[in-house]
Amino acid sequence: MAKKSLIQREKKRQNLEKKYKILRNSLKKKITETSSLDEKWEFQKKLQSLPRNSAPTRLHRRCF
């Protein structure tokens, strides 16, 4: 059984991931579609400005 603080942290990450999922996917799509490096860098900066915990790779499968 995980600690309650870890469970709460995981729930927070899940909520952030849901909140930023559409924005994150649209930025990734724009990065792949554009051919200009300057535009790609701008989209990459916007992607990096999102919270780290909103990335789906930060989620863990836990037994609650």
C-alpha atoms as a PDB file:
ATOM      1  CA  MET A   1       0.000   0.000   0.000  1.00  0.00           C
ATOM      2  CA  ALA A   2       1.364   3.372  -1.015  1.00  0.00           C
ATOM      3  CA  LYS A   3       1.564   6.278   1.384  1.00  0.00           C
ATOM      4  CA  LYS A   4      -1.332   8.696   1.272  1.00  0.00           C
ATOM      5  CA  SER A   5       0.943  11.548   0.225  1.00  0.00           C
ATOM      6  CA  LEU A   6       2.106   9.537  -2.805  1.00  0.00           C
ATOM      7  CA  ILE A   7      -1.487   8.794  -3.716  1.00  0.00           C
ATOM      8  CA  GLN A   8      -2.387  12.490  -3.557  1.00  0.00           C
ATOM      9  CA  ARG A   9       0.663  13.419  -5.628  1.00  0.00           C
ATOM     10  CA  GLU A  10      -0.340  10.866  -8.253  1.00  0.00           C
ATOM     11  CA  LYS A  11      -3.902  12.209  -8.378  1.00  0.00           C
ATOM     12  CA  LYS A  12      -2.512  15.713  -8.863  1.00  0.00           C
ATOM     13  CA  ARG A  13      -0.408  14.483 -11.778  1.00  0.00           C
ATOM     14  CA  GLN A  14      -3.420  12.770 -13.329  1.00  0.00           C
ATOM     15  CA  ASN A  15      -5.459  15.965 -13.125  1.00  0.00           C
ATOM     16  CA  LEU A  16      -2.661  18.028 -14.672  1.00  0.00           C
ATOM     17  CA  GLU A  17      -2.241  15.479 -17.451  1.00  0.00           C
ATOM     18  CA  LYS A  18      -5.957  15.671 -18.293  1.00  0.00           C
ATOM     19  CA  LYS A  19      -5.897  19.468 -18.174  1.00  0.00           C
ATOM     20  CA  TYR A  20      -2.965  19.932 -20.581  1.00  0.00           C
ATOM     21  CA  LYS A  21      -3.457  16.891 -22.842  1.00  0.00           C
ATOM     22  CA  ILE A  22      -5.115  18.739 -25.732  1.00  0.00           C
ATOM     23  CA  LEU A  23      -2.667  21.649 -25.637  1.00  0.00           C
ATOM     24  CA  ARG A  24       0.345  19.314 -25.447  1.00  0.00           C
ATOM     25  CA  ASN A  25      -0.863  17.203 -28.383  1.00  0.00           C
ATOM     26  CA  SER A  26      -1.624  20.238 -30.532  1.00  0.00           C
ATOM     27  CA  LEU A  27       1.854  21.686 -29.895  1.00  0.00           C
ATOM     28  CA  LYS A  28       3.498  18.375 -30.793  1.00  0.00           C
ATOM     29  CA  LYS A  29       1.447  18.204 -33.980  1.00  0.00           C
ATOM     30  CA  LYS A  30       2.460  21.758 -34.932  1.00  0.00           C
ATOM     31  CA  ILE A  31       6.128  20.883 -34.357  1.00  0.00           C
ATOM     32  CA  THR A  32       5.947  17.954 -36.769  1.00  0.00           C
ATOM     33  CA  GLU A  33       3.966  19.881 -39.409  1.00  0.00           C
ATOM     34  CA  THR A  34       6.132  23.002 -39.617  1.00  0.00           C
ATOM     35  CA  SER A  35       9.252  23.085 -41.743  1.00  0.00           C
ATOM     36  CA  SER A  36      10.766  26.305 -40.374  1.00  0.00           C
ATOM     37  CA  LEU A  37      13.244  25.808 -37.546  1.00  0.00           C
ATOM     38  CA  ASP A  38      12.343  29.122 -35.937  1.00  0.00           C
ATOM     39  CA  GLU A  39       8.691  28.122 -35.684  1.00  0.00           C
ATOM     40  CA  LYS A  40       9.641  24.712 -34.324  1.00  0.00           C
ATOM     41  CA  TRP A  41      11.747  26.349 -31.624  1.00  0.00           C
ATOM     42  CA  GLU A  42       8.859  28.624 -30.660  1.00  0.00           C
ATOM     43  CA  PHE A  43       6.486  25.678 -30.348  1.00  0.00           C
ATOM     44  CA  GLN A  44       9.129  23.743 -28.407  1.00  0.00           C
ATOM     45  CA  LYS A  45       9.515  26.656 -25.962  1.00  0.00           C
ATOM     46  CA  LYS A  46       5.750  26.672 -25.422  1.00  0.00           C
ATOM     47  CA  LEU A  47       5.819  22.920 -24.865  1.00  0.00           C
ATOM     48  CA  GLN A  48       8.633  23.253 -22.340  1.00  0.00           C
ATOM     49  CA  SER A  49       6.768  25.980 -20.472  1.00  0.00           C
ATOM     50  CA  LEU A  50       4.003  23.508 -19.544  1.00  0.00           C
ATOM     51  CA  PRO A  51       4.272  21.933 -16.088  1.00  0.00           C
ATOM     52  CA  ARG A  52       6.491  18.867 -15.911  1.00  0.00           C
ATOM     53  CA  ASN A  53       3.885  16.897 -14.019  1.00  0.00           C
ATOM     54  CA  SER A  54       1.455  17.309 -16.913  1.00  0.00           C
ATOM     55  CA  ALA A  55       3.518  14.944 -19.073  1.00  0.00           C
ATOM     56  CA  PRO A  56       2.008  11.448 -19.379  1.00  0.00           C
ATOM     57  CA  THR A  57       5.399   9.822 -18.761  1.00  0.00           C
ATOM     58  CA  ARG A  58       5.362  11.179 -15.195  1.00  0.00           C
ATOM     59  CA  LEU A  59       2.325   9.042 -14.290  1.00  0.00           C
ATOM     60  CA  HIS A  60       2.732   5.757 -12.402  1.00  0.00           C
ATOM     61  CA  ARG A  61       0.377   2.833 -12.096  1.00  0.00           C
ATOM     62  CA  ARG A  62      -0.354   2.466  -8.430  1.00  0.00           C
ATOM     63  CA  CYS A  63      -2.690   0.354  -6.379  1.00  0.00           C
ATOM     64  CA  PHE A  64      -5.033   2.595  -4.446  1.00  0.00           C
END
